[in-house]
């Protein structure tokens, strides 16, 4: 299936709501109910020291159907890295997430990025397993803010150089 990334704007964030709602298990880990306000918060959120132009927030479609929400920040935490702020897949367990990450890694490598980085909630073993299966390596644990609460996350990184 061909996957296409469609950047969202503040005026059409509702397109992401069904995917957010399909991930109630994830949101229960942070005691959050996915709403348009939740999506808007994610849309506007930027890591310290970054600019709006570095961020891409949108939906991934497959066969003209929304299959995932993807939030990326290019050049964070350094110029050689792209940070995945969020990846929510509508139907988990069918390979869509793996395909999105593989396609993304290939495109970013071609654009000159060396690393893909992200953070996973420490209380989310399913997500940790997903990312380590894709070759991401845990770097450390730290406390960060998710909404109005402090949470423990595990930071991960993957080298985008193709395997020799």
Protein backbone atom coordinates (compact mmCIF):
# COMPACT_ATOMS: atom_id res chain seq x y z
CA UNK A 1 0.00 0.00 0.00
CA UNK A 2 1.31 3.43 -0.90
CA UNK A 3 1.46 5.74 2.09
CA UNK A 4 1.05 9.50 1.69
CA UNK A 5 1.71 12.15 4.34
CA UNK A 6 -0.81 15.01 4.40
CA UNK A 7 0.14 17.99 6.54
CA UNK A 8 -2.74 19.26 8.65
CA UNK A 9 -3.55 22.88 9.41
CA UNK A 10 -5.24 24.36 12.45
CA UNK A 11 -8.49 24.44 10.44
CA UNK A 12 -8.66 20.71 9.61
CA UNK A 13 -7.32 18.99 12.73
CA UNK A 14 -10.60 17.10 13.09
CA UNK A 15 -9.34 14.69 10.41
CA UNK A 16 -7.02 13.24 13.06
CA UNK A 17 -9.72 12.68 15.69
CA UNK A 18 -10.77 9.14 14.61
CA UNK A 19 -7.12 8.00 14.80
CA UNK A 20 -6.68 9.59 18.22
CA UNK A 21 -9.86 7.87 19.42
CA UNK A 22 -8.64 4.52 18.05
CA UNK A 23 -5.67 4.81 20.45
CA UNK A 24 -7.56 4.97 23.76
CA UNK A 25 -5.08 2.48 25.27
CA UNK A 26 -2.25 4.99 24.76
CA UNK A 27 -4.24 7.91 26.12
CA UNK A 28 -5.26 5.93 29.19
CA UNK A 29 -1.56 5.82 30.14
CA UNK A 30 -1.62 9.59 30.61
CA UNK A 31 -5.21 9.82 31.88
CA UNK A 32 -6.12 11.87 28.80
CA UNK A 33 -9.26 11.74 26.70
CA UNK A 34 -8.53 12.49 23.04
CA UNK A 35 -10.42 15.58 21.87
CA UNK A 36 -9.94 18.32 19.28
CA UNK A 37 -8.20 20.28 22.05
CA UNK A 38 -5.76 17.38 22.58
CA UNK A 39 -4.97 17.38 18.86
CA UNK A 40 -4.56 21.17 18.82
CA UNK A 41 -2.16 20.95 21.77
CA UNK A 42 -0.06 18.37 19.88
CA UNK A 43 -0.24 20.45 16.68
CA UNK A 44 1.08 23.55 18.45
CA UNK A 45 3.62 21.83 20.73
CA UNK A 46 7.26 22.54 19.89
CA UNK A 47 10.39 21.33 21.67
CA UNK A 48 12.54 24.05 23.27
CA UNK A 49 14.64 26.00 20.78
CA UNK A 50 12.74 24.86 17.67
CA UNK A 51 10.71 26.83 15.13
CA UNK A 52 7.32 26.10 13.57
CA UNK A 53 9.00 25.53 10.15
CA UNK A 54 10.79 22.47 11.55
CA UNK A 55 7.53 20.74 12.46
CA UNK A 56 5.37 18.52 10.28
CA UNK A 57 2.08 17.38 11.81
CA UNK A 58 -0.43 15.44 9.78
CA UNK A 59 -2.12 12.24 8.80
CA UNK A 60 -0.75 9.37 6.80
CA UNK A 61 -3.17 7.94 4.28
CA UNK A 62 -3.13 4.55 2.63
CA UNK A 63 -5.58 3.87 -0.17
CA UNK A 64 -7.03 7.35 0.46
CA UNK A 65 -7.97 6.32 4.02
CA UNK A 66 -6.38 7.92 7.11
CA UNK A 67 -4.22 5.24 8.76
CA UNK A 68 -1.99 7.21 11.15
CA UNK A 69 -1.11 10.53 12.72
CA UNK A 70 2.54 11.56 12.52
CA UNK A 71 4.27 14.48 14.26
CA UNK A 72 7.89 15.19 13.26
CA UNK A 73 10.42 17.86 14.17
CA UNK A 74 13.37 18.08 11.76
CA UNK A 75 16.69 19.23 13.18
CA UNK A 76 15.89 18.33 16.78
CA UNK A 77 17.55 17.73 19.20
CA UNK A 78 20.42 18.50 16.80
CA UNK A 79 20.79 19.32 13.10
CA UNK A 80 21.44 15.67 12.14
CA UNK A 81 18.31 14.27 13.84
CA UNK A 82 14.58 14.19 13.17
CA UNK A 83 12.40 13.69 16.22
CA UNK A 84 9.15 11.71 16.17
CA UNK A 85 6.88 13.56 18.56
CA UNK A 86 3.96 11.22 17.94
CA UNK A 87 2.99 8.22 15.85
CA UNK A 88 -0.55 6.96 16.31
CA UNK A 89 -1.72 4.13 14.05
CA UNK A 90 -5.44 3.47 13.58
CA UNK A 91 -5.17 -0.31 13.19
CA UNK A 92 -2.21 -1.65 15.13
CA UNK A 93 -0.71 -5.04 14.45
CA UNK A 94 -1.08 -5.08 10.66
CA UNK A 95 2.32 -3.62 9.70
CA UNK A 96 1.29 -0.03 8.92
CA UNK A 97 3.51 1.42 11.67
CA UNK A 98 6.51 -0.58 10.47
CA UNK A 99 5.91 0.58 6.90
CA UNK A 100 5.58 4.23 7.96
CA UNK A 101 8.82 4.14 9.96
CA UNK A 102 10.76 2.30 7.22
CA UNK A 103 9.57 4.80 4.57
CA UNK A 104 10.28 7.74 6.86
CA UNK A 105 13.79 6.49 7.72
CA UNK A 106 14.63 6.06 4.04
CA UNK A 107 13.34 9.53 3.11
CA UNK A 108 15.12 11.24 5.99
CA UNK A 109 18.39 9.46 5.17
CA UNK A 110 18.09 10.68 1.57
CA UNK A 111 17.55 14.22 2.92
CA UNK A 112 20.83 13.98 4.85
CA UNK A 113 19.58 13.21 8.35
CA UNK A 114 21.65 10.68 10.31
CA UNK A 115 19.31 9.82 13.18
CA UNK A 116 15.67 9.34 14.06
CA UNK A 117 14.86 9.95 17.74
CA UNK A 118 11.81 9.76 19.98
CA UNK A 119 10.63 9.24 23.53
CA UNK A 120 8.24 6.55 24.78
CA UNK A 121 6.28 6.56 28.00
CA UNK A 122 8.13 4.33 30.46
CA UNK A 123 4.79 2.67 31.33
CA UNK A 124 4.16 1.69 27.69
CA UNK A 125 5.94 -1.64 27.10
CA UNK A 126 4.00 -2.27 23.89
CA UNK A 127 5.40 0.90 22.28
CA UNK A 128 8.88 0.16 23.63
CA UNK A 129 8.74 -3.27 21.99
CA UNK A 130 7.54 -1.73 18.69
CA UNK A 131 10.44 0.73 18.51
CA UNK A 132 13.15 -1.72 19.60
CA UNK A 133 11.88 -4.21 17.00
CA UNK A 134 12.58 -1.50 14.42
CA UNK A 135 16.18 -1.13 15.58
CA UNK A 136 15.85 1.81 17.94
CA UNK A 137 18.19 1.79 20.93
CA UNK A 138 17.23 3.11 24.38
CA UNK A 139 19.48 5.98 25.44
CA UNK A 140 18.18 6.92 28.89
CA UNK A 141 15.15 7.68 31.01
CA UNK A 142 14.03 11.11 32.08
CA UNK A 143 11.03 13.02 33.37
CA UNK A 144 9.17 15.27 30.93
CA UNK A 145 5.84 17.09 30.76
CA UNK A 146 2.86 15.60 28.95
CA UNK A 147 0.10 18.15 29.17
CA UNK A 148 -0.04 19.24 32.78
CA UNK A 149 1.65 16.18 34.28
CA UNK A 150 5.21 14.99 34.71
CA UNK A 151 5.86 11.54 33.24
CA UNK A 152 8.84 9.22 32.91
CA UNK A 153 9.93 8.52 29.33
CA UNK A 154 12.58 6.38 27.70
CA UNK A 155 14.48 8.17 24.93
CA UNK A 156 15.35 6.16 21.80
CA UNK A 157 17.47 6.74 18.72
CA UNK A 158 18.12 4.93 15.45
CA UNK A 159 21.01 5.39 13.03
CA UNK A 160 19.57 6.03 9.56
CA UNK A 161 22.61 4.75 7.68
CA UNK A 162 21.61 1.70 5.66
CA UNK A 163 22.86 -1.64 6.95
CA UNK A 164 25.97 -2.82 5.14
